[in-house]
PDB file of N, CA and C in Angstrom:
ATOM      1  N   MET A   1    -176.586 -96.784  23.767  1.00  0.00           N
ATOM      2  CA  MET A   1    -176.136 -95.828  24.755  1.00  0.00           C
ATOM      3  C   MET A   1    -176.939 -94.666  24.645  1.00  0.00           C
ATOM      4  N   THR A   2    -177.525 -94.230  25.686  1.00  0.00           N
ATOM      5  CA  THR A   2    -178.389 -93.015  25.635  1.00  0.00           C
ATOM      6  C   THR A   2    -177.560 -91.668  26.299  1.00  0.00           C
ATOM      7  N   THR A   3    -177.815 -90.636  25.758  1.00  0.00           N
ATOM      8  CA  THR A   3    -177.163 -89.531  26.302  1.00  0.00           C
ATOM      9  C   THR A   3    -177.904 -88.530  26.994  1.00  0.00           C
ATOM     10  N   THR A   4    -177.566 -88.061  27.952  1.00  0.00           N
ATOM     11  CA  THR A   4    -178.557 -87.004  28.664  1.00  0.00           C
ATOM     12  C   THR A   4    -178.470 -85.505  27.914  1.00  0.00           C
ATOM     13  N   PRO A   5    -179.600 -84.885  27.446  1.00  0.00           N
ATOM     14  CA  PRO A   5    -179.487 -83.731  26.855  1.00  0.00           C
ATOM     15  C   PRO A   5    -178.995 -82.652  27.744  1.00  0.00           C
ATOM     16  N   PRO A   6    -178.267 -81.649  27.261  1.00  0.00           N
ATOM     17  CA  PRO A   6    -177.897 -80.511  28.324  1.00  0.00           C
ATOM     18  C   PRO A   6    -178.962 -79.910  28.913  1.00  0.00           C
ATOM     19  N   THR A   7    -178.674 -79.563  30.081  1.00  0.00           N
ATOM     20  CA  THR A   7    -179.760 -78.868  31.050  1.00  0.00           C
ATOM     21  C   THR A   7    -179.963 -77.471  30.876  1.00  0.00           C
ATOM     22  N   VAL A   8    -181.093 -76.966  30.531  1.00  0.00           N
ATOM     23  CA  VAL A   8    -181.282 -75.743  30.378  1.00  0.00           C
ATOM     24  C   VAL A   8    -182.149 -75.253  31.515  1.00  0.00           C
ATOM     25  N   THR A   9    -181.781 -74.021  32.181  1.00  0.00           N
ATOM     26  CA  THR A   9    -182.601 -73.508  33.167  1.00  0.00           C
ATOM     27  C   THR A   9    -182.830 -71.963  32.933  1.00  0.00           C
ATOM     28  N   PRO A  10    -183.592 -71.347  33.459  1.00  0.00           N
ATOM     29  CA  PRO A  10    -183.680 -69.993  33.288  1.00  0.00           C
ATOM     30  C   PRO A  10    -182.355 -69.101  33.702  1.00  0.00           C
ATOM     31  N   CYS A  11    -182.169 -68.048  32.936  1.00  0.00           N
ATOM     32  CA  CYS A  11    -180.967 -67.202  33.481  1.00  0.00           C
ATOM     33  C   CYS A  11    -181.237 -66.315  34.524  1.00  0.00           C
ATOM     34  N   PRO A  12    -180.350 -66.177  35.385  1.00  0.00           N
ATOM     35  CA  PRO A  12    -180.566 -65.308  36.644  1.00  0.00           C
ATOM     36  C   PRO A  12    -180.753 -63.837  36.158  1.00  0.00           C
ATOM     37  N   VAL A  13    -180.318 -63.301  34.859  1.00  0.00           N
ATOM     38  CA  VAL A  13    -180.403 -62.076  34.415  1.00  0.00           C
ATOM     39  C   VAL A  13    -181.068 -61.977  33.082  1.00  0.00           C
ATOM     40  N   PRO A  14    -181.943 -60.894  32.801  1.00  0.00           N
ATOM     41  CA  PRO A  14    -182.563 -61.055  31.637  1.00  0.00           C
ATOM     42  C   PRO A  14    -181.846 -60.557  30.300  1.00  0.00           C
ATOM     43  N   TRP A  15    -180.763 -60.097  30.580  1.00  0.00           N
ATOM     44  CA  TRP A  15    -179.926 -59.534  29.529  1.00  0.00           C
ATOM     45  C   TRP A  15    -179.033 -60.539  28.911  1.00  0.00           C
ATOM     46  N   CYS A  16    -178.953 -61.702  29.562  1.00  0.00           N
ATOM     47  CA  CYS A  16    -178.115 -62.779  28.781  1.00  0.00           C
ATOM     48  C   CYS A  16    -178.278 -62.925  27.436  1.00  0.00           C
ATOM     49  N   PRO A  17    -177.435 -63.021  26.620  1.00  0.00           N
ATOM     50  CA  PRO A  17    -177.579 -63.281  25.151  1.00  0.00           C
ATOM     51  C   PRO A  17    -178.223 -64.695  24.869  1.00  0.00           C
ATOM     52  N   GLU A  18    -177.969 -65.717  25.910  1.00  0.00           N
ATOM     53  CA  GLU A  18    -178.487 -67.057  25.567  1.00  0.00           C
ATOM     54  C   GLU A  18    -179.577 -67.280  26.395  1.00  0.00           C
ATOM     55  N   ALA A  19    -180.245 -66.172  26.852  1.00  0.00           N
ATOM     56  CA  ALA A  19    -181.442 -66.522  27.818  1.00  0.00           C
ATOM     57  C   ALA A  19    -182.373 -67.366  27.155  1.00  0.00           C
ATOM     58  N   GLY A  20    -183.039 -68.395  27.691  1.00  0.00           N
ATOM     59  CA  GLY A  20    -183.891 -69.385  27.226  1.00  0.00           C
ATOM     60  C   GLY A  20    -183.402 -70.525  26.546  1.00  0.00           C
ATOM     61  N   HIS A  21    -182.124 -70.364  26.203  1.00  0.00           N
ATOM     62  CA  HIS A  21    -181.434 -71.754  25.492  1.00  0.00           C
ATOM     63  C   HIS A  21    -179.955 -71.841  26.286  1.00  0.00           C
ATOM     64  N   HIS A  22    -179.707 -71.343  27.384  1.00  0.00           N
ATOM     65  CA  HIS A  22    -178.372 -71.288  28.041  1.00  0.00           C
ATOM     66  C   HIS A  22    -178.206 -72.640  28.812  1.00  0.00           C
ATOM     67  N   VAL A  23    -177.450 -73.496  28.257  1.00  0.00           N
ATOM     68  CA  VAL A  23    -177.104 -74.799  28.963  1.00  0.00           C
ATOM     69  C   VAL A  23    -175.991 -74.537  29.976  1.00  0.00           C
ATOM     70  N   TRP A  24    -176.009 -75.491  30.816  1.00  0.00           N
ATOM     71  CA  TRP A  24    -174.915 -75.555  31.805  1.00  0.00           C
ATOM     72  C   TRP A  24    -173.751 -76.181  31.405  1.00  0.00           C
ATOM     73  N   ASP A  25    -172.582 -76.009  31.870  1.00  0.00           N
ATOM     74  CA  ASP A  25    -171.472 -76.765  31.447  1.00  0.00           C
ATOM     75  C   ASP A  25    -171.242 -77.878  32.692  1.00  0.00           C
ATOM     76  N   GLY A  26    -171.330 -78.993  32.255  1.00  0.00           N
ATOM     77  CA  GLY A  26    -171.340 -79.937  33.462  1.00  0.00           C
ATOM     78  C   GLY A  26    -172.896 -80.451  34.033  1.00  0.00           C
ATOM     79  N   THR A  27    -172.976 -81.015  34.878  1.00  0.00           N
ATOM     80  CA  THR A  27    -174.382 -81.479  35.497  1.00  0.00           C
ATOM     81  C   THR A  27    -174.744 -80.582  36.558  1.00  0.00           C
ATOM     82  N   PRO A  28    -175.848 -79.862  36.551  1.00  0.00           N
ATOM     83  CA  PRO A  28    -176.423 -79.228  37.786  1.00  0.00           C
ATOM     84  C   PRO A  28    -176.358 -80.245  39.065  1.00  0.00           C
ATOM     85  N   GLY A  29    -175.798 -79.669  40.183  1.00  0.00           N
ATOM     86  CA  GLY A  29    -175.500 -80.469  41.303  1.00  0.00           C
ATOM     87  C   GLY A  29    -174.289 -81.137  41.455  1.00  0.00           C
ATOM     88  N   ASP A  30    -173.531 -81.201  40.268  1.00  0.00           N
ATOM     89  CA  ASP A  30    -172.222 -81.730  40.259  1.00  0.00           C
ATOM     90  C   ASP A  30    -171.219 -80.760  39.616  1.00  0.00           C
ATOM     91  N   GLU A  31    -170.892 -79.560  40.440  1.00  0.00           N
ATOM     92  CA  GLU A  31    -170.181 -78.591  40.110  1.00  0.00           C
ATOM     93  C   GLU A  31    -170.325 -78.069  38.549  1.00  0.00           C
ATOM     94  N   ALA A  32    -171.513 -77.860  38.156  1.00  0.00           N
ATOM     95  CA  ALA A  32    -171.855 -77.391  36.948  1.00  0.00           C
ATOM     96  C   ALA A  32    -171.822 -75.696  36.996  1.00  0.00           C
ATOM     97  N   PHE A  33    -171.494 -75.009  35.952  1.00  0.00           N
ATOM     98  CA  PHE A  33    -171.370 -73.586  35.969  1.00  0.00           C
ATOM     99  C   PHE A  33    -171.809 -73.005  34.501  1.00  0.00           C
ATOM    100  N   ARG A  34    -171.933 -71.807  34.547  1.00  0.00           N
ATOM    101  CA  ARG A  34    -172.131 -71.036  33.174  1.00  0.00           C
ATOM    102  C   ARG A  34    -171.900 -69.618  33.429  1.00  0.00           C
ATOM    103  N   PHE A  35    -171.426 -68.756  32.277  1.00  0.00           N
ATOM    104  CA  PHE A  35    -171.139 -67.605  32.454  1.00  0.00           C
ATOM    105  C   PHE A  35    -172.154 -66.841  31.681  1.00  0.00           C
ATOM    106  N   HIS A  36    -172.762 -65.723  32.235  1.00  0.00           N
ATOM    107  CA  HIS A  36    -173.804 -64.805  31.527  1.00  0.00           C
ATOM    108  C   HIS A  36    -172.982 -63.559  31.348  1.00  0.00           C
ATOM    109  N   GLN A  37    -172.727 -63.197  29.891  1.00  0.00           N
ATOM    110  CA  GLN A  37    -172.018 -61.933  29.843  1.00  0.00           C
ATOM    111  C   GLN A  37    -172.357 -61.188  28.453  1.00  0.00           C
ATOM    112  N   VAL A  38    -172.174 -60.176  28.517  1.00  0.00           N
ATOM    113  CA  VAL A  38    -172.259 -59.022  27.481  1.00  0.00           C
ATOM    114  C   VAL A  38    -170.903 -58.238  27.382  1.00  0.00           C
ATOM    115  N   ARG A  39    -170.347 -58.256  26.242  1.00  0.00           N
ATOM    116  CA  ARG A  39    -168.843 -57.605  26.062  1.00  0.00           C
ATOM    117  C   ARG A  39    -169.069 -56.238  25.174  1.00  0.00           C
ATOM    118  N   SER A  40    -168.235 -55.381  25.610  1.00  0.00           N
ATOM    119  CA  SER A  40    -167.895 -54.224  24.806  1.00  0.00           C
ATOM    120  C   SER A  40    -166.728 -54.087  24.406  1.00  0.00           C
ATOM    121  N   ARG A  41    -165.947 -53.900  23.111  1.00  0.00           N
ATOM    122  CA  ARG A  41    -164.776 -53.906  22.852  1.00  0.00           C
ATOM    123  C   ARG A  41    -164.532 -52.390  22.247  1.00  0.00           C
ATOM    124  N   ILE A  42    -163.581 -52.025  22.641  1.00  0.00           N
ATOM    125  CA  ILE A  42    -162.850 -51.033  22.022  1.00  0.00           C
ATOM    126  C   ILE A  42    -161.409 -50.994  21.664  1.00  0.00           C
ATOM    127  N   THR A  43    -160.973 -50.204  20.353  1.00  0.00           N
ATOM    128  CA  THR A  43    -159.610 -50.199  20.401  1.00  0.00           C
ATOM    129  C   THR A  43    -158.982 -48.960  20.439  1.00  0.00           C
ATOM    130  N   ALA A  44    -157.855 -48.922  21.198  1.00  0.00           N
ATOM    131  CA  ALA A  44    -157.408 -47.668  21.612  1.00  0.00           C
ATOM    132  C   ALA A  44    -155.838 -47.553  21.054  1.00  0.00           C
ATOM    133  N   GLU A  45    -155.348 -46.443  20.651  1.00  0.00           N
ATOM    134  CA  GLU A  45    -153.955 -46.262  20.234  1.00  0.00           C
ATOM    135  C   GLU A  45    -152.910 -46.734  21.246  1.00  0.00           C
ATOM    136  N   GLY A  46    -152.066 -47.576  20.990  1.00  0.00           N
ATOM    137  CA  GLY A  46    -151.156 -48.003  21.927  1.00  0.00           C
ATOM    138  C   GLY A  46    -149.664 -47.752  21.442  1.00  0.00           C
ATOM    139  N   ALA A  47    -148.675 -47.970  22.201  1.00  0.00           N
ATOM    140  CA  ALA A  47    -147.494 -47.577  22.090  1.00  0.00           C
ATOM    141  C   ALA A  47    -146.839 -48.650  21.062  1.00  0.00           C
ATOM    142  N   GLY A  48    -146.559 -48.293  19.922  1.00  0.00           N
ATOM    143  CA  GLY A  48    -146.138 -49.129  18.722  1.00  0.00           C
ATOM    144  C   GLY A  48    -147.392 -50.032  17.976  1.00  0.00           C
ATOM    145  N   ARG A  49    -148.405 -50.194  18.593  1.00  0.00           N
ATOM    146  CA  ARG A  49    -149.656 -50.782  17.950  1.00  0.00           C
ATOM    147  C   ARG A  49    -150.887 -50.704  18.562  1.00  0.00           C
ATOM    148  N   ASP A  50    -151.842 -50.654  18.146  1.00  0.00           N
ATOM    149  CA  ASP A  50    -153.210 -50.483  18.764  1.00  0.00           C
ATOM    150  C   ASP A  50    -153.432 -51.563  19.672  1.00  0.00           C
ATOM    151  N   MET A  51    -154.278 -51.162  20.529  1.00  0.00           N
ATOM    152  CA  MET A  51    -154.534 -52.290  21.733  1.00  0.00           C
ATOM    153  C   MET A  51    -156.107 -52.437  21.859  1.00  0.00           C
ATOM    154  N   ALA A  52    -156.529 -53.542  22.005  1.00  0.00           N
ATOM    155  CA  ALA A  52    -158.089 -53.751  22.313  1.00  0.00           C
ATOM    156  C   ALA A  52    -158.395 -53.826  23.841  1.00  0.00           C
ATOM    157  N   VAL A  53    -159.286 -53.216  24.166  1.00  0.00           N
ATOM    158  CA  VAL A  53    -159.778 -53.170  25.705  1.00  0.00           C
ATOM    159  C   VAL A  53    -161.214 -53.604  25.565  1.00  0.00           C
ATOM    160  N   THR A  54    -161.542 -54.796  26.433  1.00  0.00           N
ATOM    161  CA  THR A  54    -162.742 -55.367  26.502  1.00  0.00           C
ATOM    162  C   THR A  54    -163.278 -55.148  27.804  1.00  0.00           C
ATOM    163  N   VAL A  55    -164.613 -54.499  27.831  1.00  0.00           N
ATOM    164  CA  VAL A  55    -165.268 -54.279  29.093  1.00  0.00           C
ATOM    165  C   VAL A  55    -166.434 -55.204  29.191  1.00  0.00           C
ATOM    166  N   SER A  56    -166.701 -56.148  30.322  1.00  0.00           N
ATOM    167  CA  SER A  56    -167.732 -57.137  30.171  1.00  0.00           C
ATOM    168  C   SER A  56    -168.503 -57.006  31.412  1.00  0.00           C
ATOM    169  N   ALA A  57    -169.861 -57.336  31.205  1.00  0.00           N
ATOM    170  CA  ALA A  57    -170.794 -57.379  32.274  1.00  0.00           C
ATOM    171  C   ALA A  57    -170.907 -58.755  32.402  1.00  0.00           C
ATOM    172  N   VAL A  58    -170.397 -59.453  33.694  1.00  0.00           N
ATOM    173  CA  VAL A  58    -170.342 -60.897  33.829  1.00  0.00           C
ATOM    174  C   VAL A  58    -171.100 -61.425  35.154  1.00  0.00           C
ATOM    175  N   VAL A  59    -171.989 -62.181  34.888  1.00  0.00           N
ATOM    176  CA  VAL A  59    -172.626 -63.085  36.149  1.00  0.00           C
ATOM    177  C   VAL A  59    -172.107 -64.446  36.064  1.00  0.00           C
ATOM    178  N   PHE A  60    -171.345 -64.860  36.896  1.00  0.00           N
ATOM    179  CA  PHE A  60    -170.866 -66.340  36.851  1.00  0.00           C
ATOM    180  C   PHE A  60    -171.804 -67.070  37.836  1.00  0.00           C
ATOM    181  N   GLU A  61    -172.412 -68.246  37.427  1.00  0.00           N
ATOM    182  CA  GLU A  61    -173.310 -68.901  38.055  1.00  0.00           C
ATOM    183  C   GLU A  61    -172.764 -70.459  38.252  1.00  0.00           C
ATOM    184  N   GLU A  62    -172.730 -70.869  39.542  1.00  0.00           N
ATOM    185  CA  GLU A  62    -172.068 -72.329  39.816  1.00  0.00           C
ATOM    186  C   GLU A  62    -173.090 -73.084  40.619  1.00  0.00           C
ATOM    187  N   THR A  63    -173.360 -74.315  40.531  1.00  0.00           N
ATOM    188  CA  THR A  63    -174.212 -75.039  41.288  1.00  0.00           C
ATOM    189  C   THR A  63    -173.883 -74.883  42.891  1.00  0.00           C
ATOM    190  N   ASP A  64    -174.724 -74.672  43.724  1.00  0.00           N
ATOM    191  CA  ASP A  64    -174.650 -74.574  45.250  1.00  0.00           C
ATOM    192  C   ASP A  64    -173.713 -73.425  45.551  1.00  0.00           C
ATOM    193  N   GLU A  65    -173.399 -72.485  44.811  1.00  0.00           N
ATOM    194  CA  GLU A  65    -172.742 -71.209  45.035  1.00  0.00           C
ATOM    195  C   GLU A  65    -173.424 -70.005  44.959  1.00  0.00           C
ATOM    196  N   PRO A  66    -173.079 -68.892  45.668  1.00  0.00           N
ATOM    197  CA  PRO A  66    -173.645 -67.699  45.299  1.00  0.00           C
ATOM    198  C   PRO A  66    -173.386 -67.238  44.098  1.00  0.00           C
ATOM    199  N   ILE A  67    -174.227 -66.394  43.546  1.00  0.00           N
ATOM    200  CA  ILE A  67    -174.020 -65.984  42.319  1.00  0.00           C
ATOM    201  C   ILE A  67    -172.912 -64.779  42.159  1.00  0.00           C
ATOM    202  N   ASP A  68    -171.736 -64.777  41.362  1.00  0.00           N
ATOM    203  CA  ASP A  68    -170.747 -63.882  41.343  1.00  0.00           C
ATOM    204  C   ASP A  68    -170.972 -62.840  40.116  1.00  0.00           C
ATOM    205  N   ARG A  69    -171.203 -61.481  40.688  1.00  0.00           N
ATOM    206  CA  ARG A  69    -171.325 -60.499  39.552  1.00  0.00           C
ATOM    207  C   ARG A  69    -170.155 -59.492  39.487  1.00  0.00           C
ATOM    208  N   SER A  70    -169.721 -59.097  38.318  1.00  0.00           N
ATOM    209  CA  SER A  70    -168.693 -58.256  38.143  1.00  0.00           C
ATOM    210  C   SER A  70    -168.733 -57.569  36.804  1.00  0.00           C
ATOM    211  N   VAL A  71    -168.210 -56.486  36.824  1.00  0.00           N
ATOM    212  CA  VAL A  71    -167.779 -55.703  35.508  1.00  0.00           C
ATOM    213  C   VAL A  71    -166.170 -56.096  35.394  1.00  0.00           C
ATOM    214  N   GLN A  72    -165.711 -56.785  34.271  1.00  0.00           N
ATOM    215  CA  GLN A  72    -164.521 -56.959  34.116  1.00  0.00           C
ATOM    216  C   GLN A  72    -163.748 -56.235  32.958  1.00  0.00           C
ATOM    217  N   ILE A  73    -162.512 -55.776  32.992  1.00  0.00           N
ATOM    218  CA  ILE A  73    -161.851 -55.091  31.970  1.00  0.00           C
ATOM    219  C   ILE A  73    -160.589 -55.954  31.726  1.00  0.00           C
ATOM    220  N   VAL A  74    -160.376 -56.159  30.443  1.00  0.00           N
ATOM    221  CA  VAL A  74    -159.037 -56.944  30.098  1.00  0.00           C
ATOM    222  C   VAL A  74    -158.432 -56.231  28.806  1.00  0.00           C
ATOM    223  N   THR A  75    -157.277 -56.262  28.589  1.00  0.00           N
ATOM    224  CA  THR A  75    -156.766 -55.863  27.414  1.00  0.00           C
ATOM    225  C   THR A  75    -156.142 -57.166  26.519  1.00  0.00           C
ATOM    226  N   ASP A  76    -155.808 -56.808  25.031  1.00  0.00           N
ATOM    227  CA  ASP A  76    -155.544 -57.945  24.417  1.00  0.00           C
ATOM    228  C   ASP A  76    -153.906 -58.323  24.766  1.00  0.00           C
ATOM    229  N   GLU A  77    -153.266 -57.353  25.283  1.00  0.00           N
ATOM    230  CA  GLU A  77    -151.889 -57.440  25.978  1.00  0.00           C
ATOM    231  C   GLU A  77    -151.791 -58.452  27.023  1.00  0.00           C
ATOM    232  N   ALA A  78    -152.546 -58.559  27.768  1.00  0.00           N
ATOM    233  CA  ALA A  78    -152.648 -59.459  28.907  1.00  0.00           C
ATOM    234  C   ALA A  78    -153.947 -60.005  29.288  1.00  0.00           C
ATOM    235  N   PRO A  79    -154.219 -60.957  28.547  1.00  0.00           N
ATOM    236  CA  PRO A  79    -155.721 -61.474  28.589  1.00  0.00           C
ATOM    237  C   PRO A  79    -155.928 -62.303  29.826  1.00  0.00           C
ATOM    238  N   ASP A  80    -154.888 -62.788  30.659  1.00  0.00           N
ATOM    239  CA  ASP A  80    -155.069 -63.221  31.899  1.00  0.00           C
ATOM    240  C   ASP A  80    -155.311 -62.437  33.081  1.00  0.00           C
ATOM    241  N   ALA A  81    -154.663 -61.189  32.550  1.00  0.00           N
ATOM    242  CA  ALA A  81    -155.011 -60.042  33.896  1.00  0.00           C
ATOM    243  C   ALA A  81    -156.063 -59.262  33.642  1.00  0.00           C
ATOM    244  N   ILE A  82    -157.295 -59.677  34.516  1.00  0.00           N
ATOM    245  CA  ILE A  82    -158.403 -59.250  34.422  1.00  0.00           C
ATOM    246  C   ILE A  82    -158.808 -58.459  35.740  1.00  0.00           C
ATOM    247  N   ALA A  83    -159.319 -57.211  35.474  1.00  0.00           N
ATOM    248  CA  ALA A  83    -159.698 -56.426  36.741  1.00  0.00           C
ATOM    249  C   ALA A  83    -161.135 -56.619  36.907  1.00  0.00           C
ATOM    250  N   PHE A  84    -161.474 -57.130  38.088  1.00  0.00           N
ATOM    251  CA  PHE A  84    -162.744 -57.441  38.340  1.00  0.00           C
ATOM    252  C   PHE A  84    -163.273 -56.310  39.391  1.00  0.00           C
ATOM    253  N   LEU A  85    -164.376 -55.610  38.844  1.00  0.00           N
ATOM    254  CA  LEU A  85    -164.970 -54.432  39.481  1.00  0.00           C
ATOM    255  C   LEU A  85    -166.350 -55.180  40.237  1.00  0.00           C
ATOM    256  N   ARG A  86    -166.318 -55.414  41.430  1.00  0.00           N
ATOM    257  CA  ARG A  86    -167.423 -56.001  42.056  1.00  0.00           C
ATOM    258  C   ARG A  86    -168.500 -55.101  42.669  1.00  0.00           C
ATOM    259  N   SER A  87    -168.519 -53.862  42.528  1.00  0.00           N
ATOM    260  CA  SER A  87    -169.666 -53.274  43.092  1.00  0.00           C
ATOM    261  C   SER A  87    -169.907 -51.595  42.206  1.00  0.00           C
ATOM    262  N   ARG A  88    -171.037 -51.243  42.366  1.00  0.00           N
ATOM    263  CA  ARG A  88    -171.308 -50.247  41.638  1.00  0.00           C
ATOM    264  C   ARG A  88    -170.577 -48.841  41.923  1.00  0.00           C
ATOM    265  N   ALA A  89    -170.079 -48.941  43.119  1.00  0.00           N
ATOM    266  CA  ALA A  89    -169.339 -48.056  43.687  1.00  0.00           C
ATOM    267  C   ALA A  89    -167.857 -47.884  43.019  1.00  0.00           C
ATOM    268  N   THR A  90    -167.397 -49.209  42.929  1.00  0.00           N
ATOM    269  CA  THR A  90    -166.106 -49.187  42.268  1.00  0.00           C
ATOM    270  C   THR A  90    -166.063 -48.753  40.887  1.00  0.00           C
ATOM    271  N   VAL A  91    -167.111 -49.251  39.970  1.00  0.00           N
ATOM    272  CA  VAL A  91    -167.474 -48.830  38.770  1.00  0.00           C
ATOM    273  C   VAL A  91    -167.440 -47.506  38.679  1.00  0.00           C
ATOM    274  N   ALA A  92    -168.154 -46.701  39.478  1.00  0.00           N
ATOM    275  CA  ALA A  92    -168.342 -45.157  39.547  1.00  0.00           C
ATOM    276  C   ALA A  92    -167.028 -44.614  39.674  1.00  0.00           C
ATOM    277  N   GLU A  93    -166.124 -45.052  40.717  1.00  0.00           N
ATOM    278  CA  GLU A  93    -164.813 -44.558  40.820  1.00  0.00           C
ATOM    279  C   GLU A  93    -164.155 -44.557  39.710  1.00  0.00           C
ATOM    280  N   LEU A  94    -164.048 -45.641  38.875  1.00  0.00           N
ATOM    281  CA  LEU A  94    -163.154 -45.713  37.498  1.00  0.00           C
ATOM    282  C   LEU A  94    -163.753 -44.959  36.560  1.00  0.00           C
ATOM    283  N   VAL A  95    -165.160 -44.761  36.494  1.00  0.00           N
ATOM    284  CA  VAL A  95    -165.675 -43.825  35.391  1.00  0.00           C
ATOM    285  C   VAL A  95    -165.343 -42.371  35.841  1.00  0.00           C
ATOM    286  N   ALA A  96    -165.324 -42.064  37.191  1.00  0.00           N
ATOM    287  CA  ALA A  96    -165.111 -40.619  37.438  1.00  0.00           C
ATOM    288  C   ALA A  96    -163.411 -40.458  37.366  1.00  0.00           C
ATOM    289  N   ALA A  97    -162.616 -41.462  37.367  1.00  0.00           N
ATOM    290  CA  ALA A  97    -161.246 -41.274  37.217  1.00  0.00           C
ATOM    291  C   ALA A  97    -160.941 -40.973  35.686  1.00  0.00           C
ATOM    292  N   LEU A  98    -161.640 -41.735  35.017  1.00  0.00           N
ATOM    293  CA  LEU A  98    -161.525 -41.653  33.524  1.00  0.00           C
ATOM    294  C   LEU A  98    -161.903 -40.382  33.066  1.00  0.00           C
ATOM    295  N   GLN A  99    -163.261 -39.800  33.760  1.00  0.00           N
ATOM    296  CA  GLN A  99    -163.877 -38.416  33.291  1.00  0.00           C
ATOM    297  C   GLN A  99    -162.894 -37.422  33.761  1.00  0.00           C
ATOM    298  N   ARG A 100    -162.288 -37.419  34.855  1.00  0.00           N
ATOM    299  CA  ARG A 100    -161.184 -36.298  35.214  1.00  0.00           C
ATOM    300  C   ARG A 100    -159.950 -36.274  34.616  1.00  0.00           C
ATOM    301  N   ALA A 101    -159.655 -37.578  34.021  1.00  0.00           N
ATOM    302  CA  ALA A 101    -158.387 -37.428  33.076  1.00  0.00           C
ATOM    303  C   ALA A 101    -158.796 -36.926  31.776  1.00  0.00           C
ATOM    304  N   ALA A 102    -159.844 -37.119  31.273  1.00  0.00           N
ATOM    305  CA  ALA A 102    -160.442 -36.742  29.918  1.00  0.00           C
ATOM    306  C   ALA A 102    -160.483 -35.186  30.235  1.00  0.00           C
ATOM    307  N   ASP A 103    -161.127 -34.709  31.153  1.00  0.00           N
ATOM    308  CA  ASP A 103    -161.494 -33.374  31.226  1.00  0.00           C
ATOM    309  C   ASP A 103    -159.981 -32.607  31.525  1.00  0.00           C
ATOM    310  N   LEU A 104    -159.021 -33.255  32.128  1.00  0.00           N
ATOM    311  CA  LEU A 104    -157.776 -32.425  32.269  1.00  0.00           C
ATOM    312  C   LEU A 104    -157.118 -32.506  30.896  1.00  0.00           C
ATOM    313  N   VAL A 105    -157.013 -33.631  30.160  1.00  0.00           N
ATOM    314  CA  VAL A 105    -156.437 -33.712  28.946  1.00  0.00           C
ATOM    315  C   VAL A 105    -157.136 -33.028  27.742  1.00  0.00           C
ATOM    316  N   PHE A 106    -158.371 -33.071  27.650  1.00  0.00           N
ATOM    317  CA  PHE A 106    -159.186 -32.519  26.614  1.00  0.00           C
ATOM    318  C   PHE A 106    -160.018 -31.439  26.715  1.00  0.00           C
ATOM    319  N   GLY A 107    -159.929 -30.978  28.212  1.00  0.00           N
ATOM    320  CA  GLY A 107    -160.815 -29.672  28.637  1.00  0.00           C
ATOM    321  C   GLY A 107    -160.073 -28.311  28.405  1.00  0.00           C
ATOM    322  N   GLU A 108    -158.833 -28.378  28.018  1.00  0.00           N
ATOM    323  CA  GLU A 108    -158.165 -27.141  27.691  1.00  0.00           C
ATOM    324  C   GLU A 108    -157.399 -27.330  26.548  1.00  0.00           C
ATOM    325  N   GLU A 109    -157.131 -26.378  25.637  1.00  0.00           N
ATOM    326  CA  GLU A 109    -156.265 -26.486  24.700  1.00  0.00           C
ATOM    327  C   GLU A 109    -154.781 -26.438  25.375  1.00  0.00           C
ATOM    328  N   VAL A 110    -153.850 -27.275  24.951  1.00  0.00           N
ATOM    329  CA  VAL A 110    -152.427 -27.364  25.558  1.00  0.00           C
ATOM    330  C   VAL A 110    -151.354 -27.062  24.367  1.00  0.00           C
ATOM    331  N   THR A 111    -150.482 -26.070  24.755  1.00  0.00           N
ATOM    332  CA  THR A 111    -149.708 -25.755  23.537  1.00  0.00           C
ATOM    333  C   THR A 111    -148.465 -26.747  23.432  1.00  0.00           C
ATOM    334  N   ALA A 112    -147.634 -26.781  22.362  1.00  0.00           N
ATOM    335  CA  ALA A 112    -146.550 -27.674  22.260  1.00  0.00           C
ATOM    336  C   ALA A 112    -145.579 -27.656  23.294  1.00  0.00           C
ATOM    337  N   LYS A 113    -145.435 -26.516  24.086  1.00  0.00           N
ATOM    338  CA  LYS A 113    -144.595 -26.109  25.038  1.00  0.00           C
ATOM    339  C   LYS A 113    -145.176 -26.704  26.450  1.00  0.00           C
ATOM    340  N   GLY A 114    -146.350 -27.344  26.302  1.00  0.00           N
ATOM    341  CA  GLY A 114    -146.731 -27.690  27.496  1.00  0.00           C
ATOM    342  C   GLY A 114    -147.553 -26.691  28.491  1.00  0.00           C
ATOM    343  N   ARG A 115    -147.686 -25.488  27.881  1.00  0.00           N
ATOM    344  CA  ARG A 115    -148.505 -24.538  28.699  1.00  0.00           C
ATOM    345  C   ARG A 115    -149.971 -24.723  28.155  1.00  0.00           C
ATOM    346  N   HIS A 116    -150.851 -24.237  29.221  1.00  0.00           N
ATOM    347  CA  HIS A 116    -152.164 -24.194  29.018  1.00  0.00           C
ATOM    348  C   HIS A 116    -152.380 -22.914  28.162  1.00  0.00           C
ATOM    349  N   ASN A 117    -153.121 -22.958  27.083  1.00  0.00           N
ATOM    350  CA  ASN A 117    -153.658 -21.687  26.411  1.00  0.00           C
ATOM    351  C   ASN A 117    -154.820 -21.431  26.714  1.00  0.00           C
ATOM    352  N   SER A 118    -155.177 -20.680  27.608  1.00  0.00           N
ATOM    353  CA  SER A 118    -156.442 -20.389  28.136  1.00  0.00           C
ATOM    354  C   SER A 118    -156.825 -19.083  27.825  1.00  0.00           C
ATOM    355  N   GLY A 119    -156.248 -18.349  26.882  1.00  0.00           N
ATOM    356  CA  GLY A 119    -156.897 -16.912  26.730  1.00  0.00           C
ATOM    357  C   GLY A 119    -155.641 -16.113  26.643  1.00  0.00           C
ATOM    358  N   PRO A 120    -156.102 -14.715  26.305  1.00  0.00           N
ATOM    359  CA  PRO A 120    -154.978 -13.639  26.359  1.00  0.00           C
ATOM    360  C   PRO A 120    -154.252 -13.700  27.597  1.00  0.00           C
ATOM    361  N   THR A 121    -153.019 -13.251  27.666  1.00  0.00           N
ATOM    362  CA  THR A 121    -152.189 -13.018  28.902  1.00  0.00           C
ATOM    363  C   THR A 121    -151.917 -11.575  29.160  1.00  0.00           C
ATOM    364  N   GLN A 122    -151.785 -11.162  30.415  1.00  0.00           N
ATOM    365  CA  GLN A 122    -151.678  -9.660  30.629  1.00  0.00           C
ATOM    366  C   GLN A 122    -150.150  -9.593  30.653  1.00  0.00           C
ATOM    367  N   SER A 123    -149.585  -8.373  30.391  1.00  0.00           N
ATOM    368  CA  SER A 123    -148.339  -7.966  30.252  1.00  0.00           C
ATOM    369  C   SER A 123    -148.075  -7.022  31.291  1.00  0.00           C
TER     370      SER A 123
END
């Protein structure tokens, strides 16, 4: 019995960690696919326990289908609830929203009573 070796073709993106040796799952031409991805993981303080958040650059390649590109965000709390950001503009909106929130929260010192401590007050 002979077995067919896994098919390797060039990856469509130069940053794929498996470039040069990335095999297809299945047989090309017969619903084969492969994921090209790079993940970044951070741990953030959560309610009751820390939470891991993973942001991934993902290119999904399937035979006879257009390449699907997205930035994906998922937490360890809900691994099946994936946010798919499918354009540079959507990613920019998310980054801008995070930056606005960080500027609001960390941009000024906030007192325990919830008042901004922005310097001397006039009496």
